[in-house]
Amino acid sequence: MAKVNFTAARINGHSCPAGKSQAFIWDSAATGLGVRATSAGARTYIWQGKVNGATIRVSIGAPKDWGIDAARDEARRLKRLADSGKDPREEAAEQRAAHEARRLEARRKDATVREAWGDYLDAHRSKWSERHYTDHINIAQAGGAEKKRGKGLTVAGPLAPLMQFRLSALDAERVASWLHDEAQIRPTNAEQAYRKLRAFIRWCDERPDYRGLVPDGAYTARSVREAVPSPKAKADCLQREQLETWFAAVRQIGNPVIATYLQGLLLTGARREELAGLRWDDVDFRWRSLHLADKVEAETGRVIPLTPYLASQLRELKRLNDTPPNVRTIARMKSEGKEWKPSEWVFSSPRAADGKLAEPRIAHSQAQMAAGLPHVSLHGLRRSFGTLAEWVECPVGVVAQIQGHKPSALAEKHYRRRPLDLLRMWHDKIEAWMLEQADIEFKSDEEAPKLQAVAGGA
């Protein structure tokens, strides 16, 4: 190939002839240095040589960015690499990889708790229940947003103060200080947040993206463990002598959906979200069973007995649910492009975004206050079921299986699988005893008290 001494004029005047895709001129001063011109009008310095007998070509850069002397120096460097048996292309790839590794490591070290927390939630979303996932979002939320229900702004979650820091700054001193501050305001939430933070840090240590960033002892140091507030066992629970007053107050709630839901919480010992998420497809009146979504058995859920009194209340809700509204309401819905159909939810609420009961606490609190009862939370009703069941000497394992608790003993875990009919025998006894204490006469579905529909729904 012919060589010429590169000058600015020769390089700028070099072009690709018509009918060709590219054309080259070669420098006489630096071995292998050339300028390639393409049919599109682009010009590029290139170096061409041999490595281990194979011809290779490497791009250097555009003449507007590289001077002639700089291009010659680069060509000579590439020639020396080739003469030593090294492929310049491999060297360039190694340099790019090293640069990318340094960039990723710098980015990894700058990762904040908030970024890693988002990845943590994404990695577990398919494994967690919706309520558990929402709890993790709320516990780290910044706060200050408009409340979806009620007035005012949301409050920052217990983990919010840590979200701004880098993972590498999450040392024992910072965690202990954070725990001390939170324990002064909301000790129970602080203890729960610590447990979630501990699980999060363990997850980070198992992930290549975040491994080794959180300092050792961030949650195991003595200063941290001493700062964790001791959880106080809640004691809100209905007493035997309060059942009559409680049932009377709850049964007087004007909304039959809420009234039945609250009684269902006490009579089944279910978690509030488990019962609220009950669909009519989950209710089997023939074989008297309820299929609940379960916190422990998240994939399969659990099946519990449907006791006679609760079944009568659900049948009445089913009747109300399947009864079409009046002609005027149907006409109005049609004019709005809507079509009426029965709700899929047992405890439905036309006002709720997802169609099911969302906030029964207000009605429950008002009923208790009017009856002069001490406050019992919705979870307290679940606690009441487990406590009151002892009055009929029901086996602890039966109560645990109905409520969906993890087995607490080896025999319970591996050797006890009670069938539904055995659970039903004890569950019926528990319900019958509660109704007796509440002075509610109940013998059959036909004799059960009827619910009255209320305009507007739950």
Protein backbone atom coordinates (compact mmCIF):
# COMPACT_ATOMS: atom_id res chain seq x y z
CA MET A 1 0.00 0.00 0.00
CA ALA A 2 1.30 3.45 -0.96
CA LYS A 3 2.31 5.76 1.86
CA VAL A 4 2.38 9.53 2.10
CA ASN A 5 3.57 11.98 4.69
CA PHE A 6 0.48 13.07 6.62
CA THR A 7 -0.32 16.74 6.57
CA ALA A 8 -3.46 18.58 7.55
CA ALA A 9 -4.21 19.33 3.90
CA ARG A 10 -3.85 15.69 2.82
CA ILE A 11 -6.03 14.43 5.65
CA ASN A 12 -8.77 17.03 5.14
CA GLY A 13 -8.71 16.43 1.40
CA HIS A 14 -9.04 12.67 1.68
CA SER A 15 -12.48 11.37 0.71
CA CYS A 16 -14.19 8.17 -0.36
CA PRO A 17 -14.61 7.76 -4.14
CA ALA A 18 -18.09 7.25 -5.54
CA GLY A 19 -19.19 3.64 -5.62
CA LYS A 20 -17.04 2.60 -2.65
CA SER A 21 -17.93 2.28 1.02
CA GLN A 22 -14.51 3.37 2.35
CA ALA A 23 -11.03 4.43 1.29
CA PHE A 24 -7.65 4.62 3.08
CA ILE A 25 -4.46 6.62 2.96
CA TRP A 26 -1.39 5.50 4.96
CA ASP A 27 1.25 7.47 6.78
CA SER A 28 4.94 7.07 5.92
CA ALA A 29 6.12 8.29 9.33
CA ALA A 30 4.29 5.81 11.62
CA THR A 31 3.91 2.16 10.70
CA GLY A 32 0.28 1.08 10.35
CA LEU A 33 -1.22 4.55 10.81
CA GLY A 34 -3.93 5.41 8.32
CA VAL A 35 -6.97 7.59 7.73
CA ARG A 36 -10.20 5.94 6.69
CA ALA A 37 -12.85 7.92 4.82
CA THR A 38 -16.38 6.53 4.44
CA SER A 39 -19.05 7.19 1.85
CA ALA A 40 -20.92 9.17 4.52
CA GLY A 41 -18.03 11.68 4.69
CA ALA A 42 -16.56 10.59 8.06
CA ARG A 43 -12.77 10.41 8.52
CA THR A 44 -11.04 8.41 11.26
CA TYR A 45 -7.47 7.64 12.24
CA ILE A 46 -6.92 3.86 12.33
CA TRP A 47 -4.02 1.56 12.99
CA GLN A 48 -3.56 -1.69 11.10
CA GLY A 49 -1.06 -4.40 11.92
CA LYS A 50 -0.58 -8.06 12.73
CA VAL A 51 -0.83 -9.93 16.03
CA ASN A 52 0.30 -13.56 16.01
CA GLY A 53 0.02 -13.60 12.22
CA ALA A 54 -3.53 -12.22 12.08
CA THR A 55 -4.27 -8.78 10.64
CA ILE A 56 -6.21 -6.50 12.95
CA ARG A 57 -7.49 -2.97 12.65
CA VAL A 58 -8.07 -0.55 15.56
CA SER A 59 -9.83 2.83 15.47
CA ILE A 60 -7.90 5.69 17.08
CA GLY A 61 -10.19 8.70 16.68
CA ALA A 62 -11.37 11.50 14.41
CA PRO A 63 -8.82 14.02 12.98
CA LYS A 64 -10.79 16.85 14.60
CA ASP A 65 -10.00 15.33 18.01
CA TRP A 66 -6.51 14.00 17.33
CA GLY A 67 -3.52 15.90 16.02
CA ILE A 68 -1.18 14.19 13.59
CA ASP A 69 1.64 13.82 16.13
CA ALA A 70 -0.74 12.41 18.75
CA ALA A 71 -2.15 9.91 16.25
CA ARG A 72 1.43 8.82 15.33
CA ASP A 73 2.32 8.32 19.01
CA GLU A 74 -0.77 6.19 19.53
CA ALA A 75 0.01 4.16 16.40
CA ARG A 76 3.53 3.50 17.65
CA ARG A 77 2.16 2.41 21.05
CA LEU A 78 -0.23 0.00 19.38
CA LYS A 79 2.63 -1.32 17.23
CA ARG A 80 4.72 -2.03 20.33
CA LEU A 81 1.84 -3.92 21.92
CA ALA A 82 1.36 -6.00 18.79
CA ASP A 83 5.09 -6.75 18.55
CA SER A 84 4.99 -8.05 22.15
CA GLY A 85 2.13 -10.42 21.25
CA LYS A 86 -0.66 -8.42 22.93
CA ASP A 87 -3.85 -7.64 21.05
CA PRO A 88 -4.61 -3.90 21.44
CA ARG A 89 -8.31 -4.66 21.23
CA GLU A 90 -8.11 -6.95 24.26
CA GLU A 91 -6.19 -4.31 26.18
CA ALA A 92 -8.86 -1.75 25.35
CA ALA A 93 -11.58 -4.15 26.47
CA GLU A 94 -9.76 -4.79 29.74
CA GLN A 95 -9.41 -1.06 30.34
CA ARG A 96 -13.12 -0.54 29.67
CA ALA A 97 -14.01 -3.39 32.01
CA ALA A 98 -11.75 -2.02 34.74
CA HIS A 99 -13.24 1.44 34.31
CA GLU A 100 -16.77 0.04 34.50
CA ALA A 101 -15.85 -1.98 37.59
CA ARG A 102 -14.46 1.14 39.26
CA ARG A 103 -17.58 3.08 38.30
CA LEU A 104 -19.89 0.38 39.66
CA GLU A 105 -17.86 0.06 42.86
CA ALA A 106 -18.04 3.81 43.38
CA ARG A 107 -21.78 3.72 42.74
CA ARG A 108 -22.14 0.70 45.06
CA LYS A 109 -20.33 2.49 47.87
CA ASP A 110 -22.55 5.55 47.37
CA ALA A 111 -25.76 3.48 47.56
CA THR A 112 -28.21 4.91 50.08
CA VAL A 113 -30.41 2.98 52.46
CA ARG A 114 -33.45 4.14 50.46
CA GLU A 115 -32.11 2.70 47.18
CA ALA A 116 -31.25 -0.64 48.77
CA TRP A 117 -34.58 -0.68 50.64
CA GLY A 118 -36.43 -0.30 47.34
CA ASP A 119 -34.51 -3.26 45.88
CA TYR A 120 -35.22 -5.24 49.07
CA LEU A 121 -38.96 -4.68 48.72
CA ASP A 122 -38.94 -5.53 45.01
CA ALA A 123 -37.08 -8.78 45.71
CA HIS A 124 -39.66 -9.89 48.29
CA ARG A 125 -42.92 -8.53 46.88
CA SER A 126 -43.99 -11.83 45.33
CA LYS A 127 -43.21 -13.68 48.58
CA TRP A 128 -44.92 -11.33 51.04
CA SER A 129 -48.60 -10.75 51.61
CA GLU A 130 -49.98 -7.41 50.47
CA ARG A 131 -50.37 -6.28 54.09
CA HIS A 132 -46.78 -7.23 54.96
CA TYR A 133 -45.49 -5.42 51.88
CA THR A 134 -47.53 -2.31 52.72
CA ASP A 135 -46.17 -2.36 56.28
CA HIS A 136 -42.63 -2.17 54.89
CA ILE A 137 -43.57 0.77 52.68
CA ASN A 138 -45.26 2.65 55.52
CA ILE A 139 -42.48 2.07 58.02
CA ALA A 140 -40.02 3.85 55.72
CA GLN A 141 -42.26 6.53 54.21
CA ALA A 142 -41.07 10.12 54.44
CA GLY A 143 -44.48 11.43 55.55
CA GLY A 144 -45.97 14.82 54.77
CA ALA A 145 -48.41 13.55 52.10
CA GLU A 146 -52.17 14.04 52.19
CA LYS A 147 -53.93 11.22 54.01
CA LYS A 148 -56.07 8.98 51.80
CA ARG A 149 -58.62 8.68 54.60
CA GLY A 150 -59.27 11.51 57.00
CA LYS A 151 -57.70 14.93 57.15
CA GLY A 152 -54.14 16.05 57.65
CA LEU A 153 -50.74 14.76 56.52
CA THR A 154 -49.15 11.37 56.94
CA VAL A 155 -46.52 10.89 59.64
CA ALA A 156 -43.00 9.79 58.76
CA GLY A 157 -42.33 6.10 59.41
CA PRO A 158 -39.85 4.98 62.09
CA LEU A 159 -37.21 4.06 59.49
CA ALA A 160 -37.51 7.33 57.58
CA PRO A 161 -34.59 9.06 59.40
CA LEU A 162 -32.19 6.35 58.17
CA MET A 163 -33.24 6.38 54.51
CA GLN A 164 -31.05 9.35 53.54
CA PHE A 165 -27.77 7.82 54.69
CA ARG A 166 -25.39 5.68 52.67
CA LEU A 167 -25.27 2.02 53.62
CA SER A 168 -21.63 2.48 54.60
CA ALA A 169 -22.75 5.08 57.18
CA LEU A 170 -25.19 2.69 58.85
CA ASP A 171 -22.90 1.84 61.74
CA ALA A 172 -23.79 0.75 65.27
CA GLU A 173 -23.49 4.26 66.68
CA ARG A 174 -25.96 5.69 64.18
CA VAL A 175 -28.44 2.82 64.62
CA ALA A 176 -28.26 3.07 68.41
CA SER A 177 -28.84 6.83 68.26
CA TRP A 178 -31.80 6.35 65.94
CA LEU A 179 -33.31 3.70 68.23
CA HIS A 180 -32.89 5.94 71.27
CA ASP A 181 -34.75 8.81 69.55
CA GLU A 182 -37.58 6.63 68.22
CA ALA A 183 -38.05 4.80 71.52
CA GLN A 184 -38.86 8.09 73.20
CA ILE A 185 -41.75 8.72 70.81
CA ARG A 186 -43.13 5.32 69.77
CA PRO A 187 -41.37 2.40 71.49
CA THR A 188 -43.51 -0.37 70.00
CA ASN A 189 -43.02 0.88 66.45
CA ALA A 190 -39.31 1.36 67.10
CA GLU A 191 -38.94 -2.27 68.18
CA GLN A 192 -40.81 -3.47 65.09
CA ALA A 193 -38.73 -1.21 62.85
CA TYR A 194 -35.51 -2.57 64.37
CA ARG A 195 -36.55 -6.13 63.52
CA LYS A 196 -37.31 -5.13 59.93
CA LEU A 197 -34.02 -3.22 59.69
CA ARG A 198 -32.17 -6.29 60.97
CA ALA A 199 -33.71 -8.50 58.28
CA PHE A 200 -32.89 -5.86 55.65
CA ILE A 201 -29.20 -5.69 56.65
CA ARG A 202 -28.93 -9.48 56.55
CA TRP A 203 -30.36 -9.41 53.03
CA CYS A 204 -27.84 -6.74 51.99
CA ASP A 205 -24.97 -8.93 53.20
CA GLU A 206 -26.16 -11.69 50.86
CA ARG A 207 -26.42 -9.48 47.77
CA PRO A 208 -23.35 -8.83 45.58
CA ASP A 209 -24.55 -5.26 44.96
CA TYR A 210 -24.53 -4.41 48.66
CA ARG A 211 -22.36 -7.03 50.34
CA GLY A 212 -19.87 -5.63 52.81
CA LEU A 213 -21.20 -2.06 52.73
CA VAL A 214 -23.00 -2.05 56.08
CA PRO A 215 -20.40 -1.91 58.87
CA ASP A 216 -20.08 -4.93 61.15
CA GLY A 217 -22.16 -4.79 64.30
CA ALA A 218 -24.76 -2.42 62.87
CA TYR A 219 -27.51 -4.39 64.60
CA THR A 220 -25.58 -6.80 66.85
CA ALA A 221 -23.48 -4.35 68.89
CA ARG A 222 -24.31 -4.18 72.58
CA SER A 223 -25.11 -0.47 72.34
CA VAL A 224 -27.73 -1.25 69.69
CA ARG A 225 -29.31 -4.19 71.53
CA GLU A 226 -29.52 -2.17 74.72
CA ALA A 227 -31.29 0.63 72.86
CA VAL A 228 -34.03 -1.67 71.50
CA PRO A 229 -37.18 -1.00 73.57
CA SER A 230 -38.76 -4.05 75.17
CA PRO A 231 -42.12 -4.81 73.54
CA LYS A 232 -45.04 -4.55 75.90
CA ALA A 233 -47.66 -7.25 75.56
CA LYS A 234 -51.03 -5.74 74.75
CA ALA A 235 -53.76 -6.65 77.18
CA ASP A 236 -56.92 -5.42 75.44
CA CYS A 237 -59.25 -8.40 75.63
CA LEU A 238 -62.95 -8.97 76.26
CA GLN A 239 -63.81 -10.60 79.56
CA ARG A 240 -66.54 -13.23 79.92
CA GLU A 241 -68.85 -10.84 81.76
CA GLN A 242 -68.45 -8.22 79.00
CA LEU A 243 -69.68 -10.45 76.17
CA GLU A 244 -73.37 -9.67 76.66
CA THR A 245 -72.77 -5.91 76.58
CA TRP A 246 -70.35 -6.15 73.64
CA PHE A 247 -72.63 -8.29 71.46
CA ALA A 248 -75.61 -6.05 72.23
CA ALA A 249 -73.64 -2.93 71.26
CA VAL A 250 -72.18 -4.41 68.08
CA ARG A 251 -75.48 -5.91 66.90
CA GLN A 252 -77.02 -2.42 67.15
CA ILE A 253 -74.57 -0.97 64.62
CA GLY A 254 -76.71 0.22 61.74
CA ASN A 255 -74.45 -1.19 59.02
CA PRO A 256 -74.99 -5.00 58.82
CA VAL A 257 -71.67 -5.53 57.03
CA ILE A 258 -69.67 -3.96 59.86
CA ALA A 259 -71.81 -5.61 62.56
CA THR A 260 -71.26 -9.06 61.05
CA TYR A 261 -67.58 -8.41 60.40
CA LEU A 262 -66.90 -7.48 64.03
CA GLN A 263 -68.75 -10.52 65.32
CA GLY A 264 -66.83 -12.63 62.83
CA LEU A 265 -63.50 -11.36 64.18
CA LEU A 266 -64.46 -12.47 67.70
CA LEU A 267 -66.03 -15.78 66.67
CA THR A 268 -63.19 -16.90 64.38
CA GLY A 269 -60.12 -15.26 65.94
CA ALA A 270 -59.01 -14.32 62.42
CA ARG A 271 -56.69 -11.44 61.62
CA ARG A 272 -58.55 -8.34 60.51
CA GLU A 273 -57.19 -8.36 56.93
CA GLU A 274 -57.83 -12.10 56.56
CA LEU A 275 -61.52 -11.72 57.31
CA ALA A 276 -61.89 -8.45 55.35
CA GLY A 277 -60.45 -10.19 52.28
CA LEU A 278 -63.01 -13.01 52.38
CA ARG A 279 -64.81 -13.60 49.06
CA TRP A 280 -68.08 -15.42 48.58
CA ASP A 281 -66.17 -18.11 46.69
CA ASP A 282 -64.30 -18.76 49.95
CA VAL A 283 -67.51 -19.49 51.87
CA ASP A 284 -68.86 -23.05 51.77
CA PHE A 285 -72.29 -23.15 53.42
CA ARG A 286 -72.83 -26.83 52.60
CA TRP A 287 -69.67 -28.12 54.26
CA ARG A 288 -69.50 -25.22 56.71
CA SER A 289 -66.02 -23.89 56.05
CA LEU A 290 -64.20 -20.64 55.35
CA HIS A 291 -61.05 -20.40 53.25
CA LEU A 292 -58.92 -17.54 54.61
CA ALA A 293 -55.78 -15.99 53.24
CA ASP A 294 -53.13 -16.84 55.81
CA LYS A 295 -50.11 -14.89 57.02
CA VAL A 296 -48.12 -18.07 57.71
CA GLU A 297 -49.38 -20.30 54.89
CA ALA A 298 -49.35 -17.50 52.33
CA GLU A 299 -49.56 -19.76 49.26
CA THR A 300 -52.38 -22.08 50.30
CA GLY A 301 -54.17 -20.13 53.02
CA ARG A 302 -56.06 -22.05 55.69
CA VAL A 303 -59.52 -23.56 56.01
CA ILE A 304 -61.45 -23.10 59.25
CA PRO A 305 -64.95 -24.15 60.34
CA LEU A 306 -67.98 -21.96 59.62
CA THR A 307 -69.90 -22.04 62.88
CA PRO A 308 -73.75 -22.07 62.88
CA TYR A 309 -74.45 -18.58 64.20
CA LEU A 310 -71.84 -16.92 61.97
CA ALA A 311 -73.19 -18.92 59.01
CA SER A 312 -76.66 -17.49 59.64
CA GLN A 313 -75.26 -13.95 59.65
CA LEU A 314 -73.34 -14.57 56.42
CA ARG A 315 -76.44 -16.00 54.73
CA GLU A 316 -78.28 -12.79 55.51
CA LEU A 317 -75.38 -10.75 54.11
CA LYS A 318 -75.48 -12.96 51.01
CA ARG A 319 -79.19 -12.24 50.59
CA LEU A 320 -78.60 -8.49 50.88
CA ASN A 321 -75.61 -8.67 48.54
CA ASP A 322 -77.59 -10.52 45.85
CA THR A 323 -80.63 -8.25 46.05
CA PRO A 324 -80.60 -5.68 43.19
CA PRO A 325 -81.10 -2.02 44.06
CA ASN A 326 -84.31 -0.21 43.15
CA VAL A 327 -85.23 0.67 39.57
CA ARG A 328 -84.17 4.31 39.95
CA THR A 329 -80.68 3.33 41.14
CA ILE A 330 -80.24 0.86 38.29
CA ALA A 331 -81.36 3.51 35.78
CA ARG A 332 -78.88 6.02 37.22
CA MET A 333 -76.06 3.48 37.01
CA LYS A 334 -76.89 2.74 33.37
CA SER A 335 -76.82 6.45 32.54
CA GLU A 336 -73.32 6.56 34.08
CA GLY A 337 -72.21 3.60 31.99
CA LYS A 338 -72.17 1.26 34.97
CA GLU A 339 -73.76 -2.14 35.41
CA TRP A 340 -74.93 -3.49 38.75
CA LYS A 341 -73.73 -6.89 39.86
CA PRO A 342 -73.38 -8.57 43.26
CA SER A 343 -70.09 -7.91 45.02
CA GLU A 344 -67.50 -10.67 45.16
CA TRP A 345 -66.57 -9.58 48.69
CA VAL A 346 -68.38 -10.94 51.73
CA PHE A 347 -67.80 -7.69 53.61
CA SER A 348 -68.36 -5.32 50.72
CA SER A 349 -68.23 -1.53 50.71
CA PRO A 350 -69.41 0.47 47.68
CA ARG A 351 -67.43 3.49 48.90
CA ALA A 352 -64.09 1.68 49.12
CA ALA A 353 -61.73 1.80 46.15
CA ASP A 354 -61.33 -1.99 46.04
CA GLY A 355 -64.95 -2.71 46.97
CA LYS A 356 -64.33 -4.29 50.37
CA LEU A 357 -64.59 -3.06 53.94
CA ALA A 358 -61.63 -0.87 54.82
CA GLU A 359 -62.24 0.96 58.11
CA PRO A 360 -64.54 -0.67 60.68
CA ARG A 361 -62.64 0.72 63.69
CA ILE A 362 -64.68 3.90 64.02
CA ALA A 363 -68.01 2.07 64.31
CA HIS A 364 -66.47 -0.42 66.74
CA SER A 365 -65.01 2.30 68.96
CA GLN A 366 -68.28 4.22 68.99
CA ALA A 367 -70.23 1.09 69.93
CA GLN A 368 -67.86 0.32 72.81
CA MET A 369 -67.95 3.89 74.05
CA ALA A 370 -71.74 4.00 73.97
CA ALA A 371 -71.91 0.74 75.91
CA GLY A 372 -69.38 1.91 78.49
CA LEU A 373 -66.90 -0.84 77.61
CA PRO A 374 -63.13 -0.41 77.85
CA HIS A 375 -61.45 -0.04 74.48
CA VAL A 376 -60.66 -3.29 72.66
CA SER A 377 -58.89 -3.06 69.31
CA LEU A 378 -59.76 -5.18 66.30
CA HIS A 379 -56.70 -7.32 67.03
CA GLY A 380 -57.91 -7.46 70.61
CA LEU A 381 -60.95 -9.38 69.35
CA ARG A 382 -58.57 -11.98 67.95
CA ARG A 383 -56.82 -12.04 71.32
CA SER A 384 -60.20 -12.41 73.01
CA PHE A 385 -61.03 -15.52 70.97
CA GLY A 386 -57.86 -17.27 72.05
CA THR A 387 -58.39 -16.30 75.68
CA LEU A 388 -62.10 -17.07 75.96
CA ALA A 389 -61.66 -20.46 74.26
CA GLU A 390 -60.07 -21.72 77.47
CA TRP A 391 -63.46 -21.56 79.19
CA VAL A 392 -64.58 -24.62 77.21
CA GLU A 393 -61.21 -26.34 77.84
CA CYS A 394 -60.46 -26.36 74.14
CA PRO A 395 -57.00 -27.80 73.34
CA VAL A 396 -54.45 -25.06 72.72
CA GLY A 397 -53.42 -26.67 69.43
CA VAL A 398 -56.98 -26.49 68.12
CA VAL A 399 -57.21 -22.78 68.87
CA ALA A 400 -53.80 -22.17 67.28
CA GLN A 401 -54.79 -24.04 64.11
CA ILE A 402 -58.06 -22.11 63.80
CA GLN A 403 -56.27 -18.79 64.34
CA GLY A 404 -53.41 -19.63 61.98
CA HIS A 405 -50.57 -19.53 64.51
CA LYS A 406 -47.31 -21.32 63.83
CA PRO A 407 -47.00 -24.63 65.73
CA SER A 408 -45.17 -23.98 68.99
CA ALA A 409 -44.09 -27.52 69.80
CA LEU A 410 -42.43 -30.39 67.97
CA ALA A 411 -45.50 -32.62 68.18
CA GLU A 412 -47.76 -29.85 66.89
CA LYS A 413 -45.39 -29.11 64.03
CA HIS A 414 -44.82 -32.64 62.77
CA TYR A 415 -47.54 -34.92 64.18
CA ARG A 416 -50.77 -32.91 64.46
CA ARG A 417 -52.90 -32.37 61.38
CA ARG A 418 -56.42 -32.02 62.74
CA PRO A 419 -59.19 -32.53 60.16
CA LEU A 420 -61.85 -29.90 59.68
CA ASP A 421 -64.57 -31.90 61.42
CA LEU A 422 -62.49 -32.10 64.61
CA LEU A 423 -61.85 -28.37 64.49
CA ARG A 424 -65.57 -27.82 63.87
CA MET A 425 -66.56 -29.78 66.98
CA TRP A 426 -64.50 -27.52 69.22
CA HIS A 427 -65.24 -24.33 67.28
CA ASP A 428 -68.99 -24.91 67.60
CA LYS A 429 -68.53 -25.32 71.36
CA ILE A 430 -66.62 -22.05 71.58
CA GLU A 431 -69.30 -20.17 69.66
CA ALA A 432 -72.15 -21.74 71.63
CA TRP A 433 -70.48 -20.77 74.90
CA MET A 434 -69.96 -17.18 73.76
CA LEU A 435 -73.60 -16.88 72.67
CA GLU A 436 -74.71 -18.30 76.00
CA GLN A 437 -72.65 -15.72 77.88
CA ALA A 438 -74.04 -13.00 75.60
CA ASP A 439 -77.60 -14.22 76.33
CA ILE A 440 -78.27 -14.72 72.60
CA GLU A 441 -80.79 -17.45 71.89
CA PHE A 442 -79.85 -19.25 68.73
CA LYS A 443 -80.92 -22.66 67.48
CA SER A 444 -80.99 -22.61 63.72
CA ASP A 445 -80.39 -20.37 60.71
CA GLU A 446 -84.09 -19.67 60.39
CA GLU A 447 -84.31 -18.40 63.97
CA ALA A 448 -81.20 -16.22 63.71
CA PRO A 449 -81.72 -12.47 64.07
CA LYS A 450 -82.22 -10.77 60.72
CA LEU A 451 -80.03 -7.89 59.55
CA GLN A 452 -81.46 -4.68 58.20
CA ALA A 453 -80.00 -3.12 55.07
CA VAL A 454 -78.72 0.44 55.36
CA ALA A 455 -78.66 2.85 52.44
CA GLY A 456 -75.17 3.75 51.28
CA GLY A 457 -73.47 0.51 52.25
CA ALA A 458 -70.30 0.13 54.35
